[in-house]
Amino acid sequence: MKKIGMIGAAVLLAAAVAGAAAASDDTLFLRSAMKDRVNPAIFGIWDITNNAMDDNGGIDAKLMNADKWAIVEARARDLAQASRALASATTIRANAPGDEKVDAGAVPMSAIQGYLDANPAAFRALATTQAEHAEKLAAAAKAHDAAAAGELVAGLDGVCESCHSRFWYPDQ
C-alpha cells in the first residue's frame, strides 16, 4: 500500500510539474486566437451594428435597444481582451503544430511566421491599437452613444486591415 501511495504521489507531482511548465509557456497561436476569439467578437459586433445602420453608414439609435447595446459592449470587451492577449504573448506562432494547411493560393503559415518574426514589436503595437479601439467601442456601447459607436465600428475594419496587410498577406 505504501508503494502505491508513493507511486501515486510521484505521478501527481509529475503531473503538477508538467502542468506548471505548460502554464508558464506563454505561446500564442495566432491562427487559433483569430478563429476562436477575435473573429467571434468582431462578427458579434458586426451582426448587431450592420443591422442597425442608418443611411449614412452610422448606427441608427432607434434600431438599437439595451440588449443590443449590451451585446456590442460585451463583444467589444471580448475583442479588447483577445487583442491584449495578442499584444502580450511572449511567443507568437502563426499556427499550432499540425495546423499548417491553407487553401490553394493562400499565404503559407511559414511565410506568416516569417512576417511575425521579422517585427514582433510592430505586431504587438497593432494588437494594442486594436485593443484600445475595442475598449473605446465598449465604452461607447455602454453609454449607448450611437454616433461614437458608429464611427468606431466603421473604423474597425481599417484597424484589422492594418495588421492583416502587414502580417497576413504583405506581398499581395
Protein backbone atom coordinates (compact mmCIF):
# COMPACT_ATOMS: atom_id res chain seq x y z
CA MET A 1 0.00 0.00 0.00
CA LYS A 2 2.78 2.35 0.87
CA LYS A 3 4.41 1.74 -2.53
CA ILE A 4 1.18 2.53 -4.35
CA GLY A 5 0.78 5.68 -2.29
CA MET A 6 4.31 6.80 -3.11
CA ILE A 7 3.88 5.96 -6.77
CA GLY A 8 0.59 7.82 -6.85
CA ALA A 9 2.21 10.80 -5.15
CA ALA A 10 5.06 10.73 -7.67
CA VAL A 11 2.58 10.64 -10.58
CA LEU A 12 0.64 13.57 -9.10
CA LEU A 13 3.85 15.54 -8.56
CA ALA A 14 4.97 14.86 -12.13
CA ALA A 15 1.59 15.95 -13.44
CA ALA A 16 1.72 19.12 -11.36
CA VAL A 17 5.20 19.96 -12.64
CA ALA A 18 4.12 19.30 -16.22
CA GLY A 19 1.05 21.46 -15.72
CA ALA A 20 3.15 24.27 -14.29
CA ALA A 21 5.51 24.06 -17.26
CA ALA A 22 2.59 24.22 -19.68
CA ALA A 23 1.04 27.12 -17.78
CA SER A 24 4.29 29.11 -17.94
CA ASP A 25 4.57 28.57 -21.70
CA ASP A 26 3.17 31.84 -23.00
CA THR A 27 2.96 30.81 -26.65
CA LEU A 28 0.09 32.30 -28.59
CA PHE A 29 -1.05 30.50 -31.74
CA LEU A 30 -2.28 33.34 -33.90
CA ARG A 31 -4.47 31.37 -36.28
CA SER A 32 -6.36 29.78 -33.37
CA ALA A 33 -6.64 33.07 -31.50
CA MET A 34 -8.10 34.73 -34.57
CA LYS A 35 -10.54 31.90 -35.26
CA ASP A 36 -11.60 31.26 -31.66
CA ARG A 37 -11.51 34.71 -30.06
CA VAL A 38 -11.01 37.66 -32.40
CA ASN A 39 -13.36 36.66 -35.22
CA PRO A 40 -16.34 35.75 -32.99
CA ALA A 41 -16.00 39.07 -31.18
CA ILE A 42 -15.83 41.12 -34.37
CA PHE A 43 -18.60 39.17 -36.10
CA GLY A 44 -20.75 39.60 -32.98
CA ILE A 45 -20.27 43.37 -33.19
CA TRP A 46 -20.97 43.48 -36.91
CA ASP A 47 -24.02 41.23 -36.60
CA ILE A 48 -25.73 43.83 -34.43
CA THR A 49 -24.36 47.04 -35.90
CA ASN A 50 -24.72 46.13 -39.59
CA ASN A 51 -28.42 45.58 -38.94
CA ALA A 52 -28.74 48.97 -37.23
CA MET A 53 -27.13 51.16 -39.88
CA ASP A 54 -28.60 54.47 -40.88
CA ASP A 55 -28.49 55.92 -44.40
CA ASN A 56 -25.06 57.46 -43.72
CA GLY A 57 -23.41 54.23 -42.55
CA GLY A 58 -23.61 55.11 -38.86
CA ILE A 59 -25.67 53.44 -36.18
CA ASP A 60 -29.33 54.40 -36.01
CA ALA A 61 -30.07 54.65 -32.28
CA LYS A 62 -33.74 53.86 -32.98
CA LEU A 63 -32.70 50.40 -34.23
CA MET A 64 -30.78 49.65 -31.03
CA ASN A 65 -32.10 48.60 -27.64
CA ALA A 66 -30.49 47.82 -24.28
CA ASP A 67 -29.92 44.16 -25.20
CA LYS A 68 -28.23 45.04 -28.49
CA TRP A 69 -26.02 47.65 -26.83
CA ALA A 70 -25.08 45.08 -24.18
CA ILE A 71 -24.06 42.58 -26.85
CA VAL A 72 -21.94 45.15 -28.69
CA GLU A 73 -20.31 46.14 -25.39
CA ALA A 74 -19.62 42.52 -24.43
CA ARG A 75 -18.20 41.60 -27.85
CA ALA A 76 -16.05 44.75 -27.85
CA ARG A 77 -14.69 43.77 -24.42
CA ASP A 78 -14.03 40.25 -25.76
CA LEU A 79 -12.15 41.79 -28.69
CA ALA A 80 -10.14 44.01 -26.35
CA GLN A 81 -9.17 41.05 -24.18
CA ALA A 82 -8.22 38.92 -27.18
CA SER A 83 -6.19 41.78 -28.63
CA ARG A 84 -4.40 42.35 -25.31
CA ALA A 85 -3.52 38.64 -25.31
CA LEU A 86 -2.06 39.03 -28.81
CA ALA A 87 -0.05 42.03 -27.68
CA SER A 88 1.31 40.47 -24.51
CA ALA A 89 2.19 36.93 -25.60
CA THR A 90 5.83 36.12 -25.06
CA THR A 91 5.99 33.84 -28.08
CA ILE A 92 3.80 34.24 -31.15
CA ARG A 93 3.39 31.36 -33.55
CA ALA A 94 1.37 31.71 -36.73
CA ASN A 95 -0.20 28.31 -36.15
CA ALA A 96 -0.25 25.38 -33.80
CA PRO A 97 1.68 22.27 -34.77
CA GLY A 98 -0.36 20.29 -37.28
CA ASP A 99 -2.41 23.34 -38.30
CA GLU A 100 -0.31 24.37 -41.29
CA LYS A 101 -2.76 23.55 -44.10
CA VAL A 102 -4.10 26.52 -46.08
CA ASP A 103 -6.34 26.75 -49.10
CA ALA A 104 -4.79 26.81 -52.56
CA GLY A 105 -3.34 30.23 -53.28
CA ALA A 106 -3.36 31.29 -49.61
CA VAL A 107 -0.26 32.54 -47.87
CA PRO A 108 1.59 29.62 -46.24
CA MET A 109 1.74 29.62 -42.46
CA SER A 110 5.55 29.54 -42.66
CA ALA A 111 5.51 32.86 -44.55
CA ILE A 112 3.22 34.39 -41.92
CA GLN A 113 5.61 33.17 -39.22
CA GLY A 114 8.43 34.90 -41.08
CA TYR A 115 6.50 38.19 -41.12
CA LEU A 116 5.81 37.87 -37.39
CA ASP A 117 9.43 37.01 -36.59
CA ALA A 118 10.69 39.95 -38.65
CA ASN A 119 8.95 42.51 -36.44
CA PRO A 120 7.11 41.17 -33.39
CA ALA A 121 7.13 44.64 -31.79
CA ALA A 122 5.08 46.03 -34.70
CA PHE A 123 2.63 43.15 -34.36
CA ARG A 124 2.25 43.82 -30.64
CA ALA A 125 1.75 47.54 -31.28
CA LEU A 126 -1.00 46.86 -33.82
CA ALA A 127 -2.67 44.41 -31.42
CA THR A 128 -2.53 47.08 -28.70
CA THR A 129 -4.11 49.61 -31.08
CA GLN A 130 -6.90 47.13 -31.78
CA ALA A 131 -7.42 46.58 -28.03
CA GLU A 132 -7.65 50.33 -27.43
CA HIS A 133 -10.09 50.73 -30.32
CA ALA A 134 -12.26 47.93 -28.94
CA GLU A 135 -12.17 49.46 -25.45
CA LYS A 136 -13.42 52.77 -26.87
CA LEU A 137 -16.20 50.90 -28.67
CA ALA A 138 -17.16 49.11 -25.44
CA ALA A 139 -17.38 52.46 -23.65
CA ALA A 140 -19.50 53.98 -26.43
CA ALA A 141 -21.82 50.96 -26.39
CA LYS A 142 -22.13 51.14 -22.62
CA ALA A 143 -23.10 54.81 -22.95
CA HIS A 144 -25.50 53.99 -25.83
CA ASP A 145 -23.62 56.61 -27.86
CA ALA A 146 -24.70 55.76 -31.41
CA ALA A 147 -22.55 58.45 -33.05
CA ALA A 148 -19.32 57.41 -31.34
CA ALA A 149 -20.05 53.68 -31.66
CA GLY A 150 -20.87 54.12 -35.35
CA GLU A 151 -17.55 55.83 -36.04
CA LEU A 152 -15.65 53.18 -34.09
CA VAL A 153 -17.41 50.31 -35.85
CA ALA A 154 -16.74 51.98 -39.21
CA GLY A 155 -13.05 52.24 -38.30
CA LEU A 156 -12.76 48.68 -37.05
CA ASP A 157 -12.17 47.20 -40.48
CA GLY A 158 -9.24 49.56 -41.03
CA VAL A 159 -7.72 48.58 -37.69
CA CYS A 160 -7.95 44.92 -38.66
CA GLU A 161 -6.62 45.55 -42.16
CA SER A 162 -3.57 47.44 -40.86
CA CYS A 163 -2.37 44.24 -39.23
CA HIS A 164 -3.54 41.80 -41.90
CA SER A 165 -1.82 43.74 -44.68
CA ARG A 166 1.46 43.64 -42.81
CA PHE A 167 1.46 40.18 -41.23
CA TRP A 168 -1.01 38.03 -43.15
CA TYR A 169 -0.52 38.99 -46.78
CA PRO A 170 2.01 41.82 -47.21
CA ASP A 171 3.11 40.66 -50.65
CA GLN A 172 -0.36 40.74 -52.18
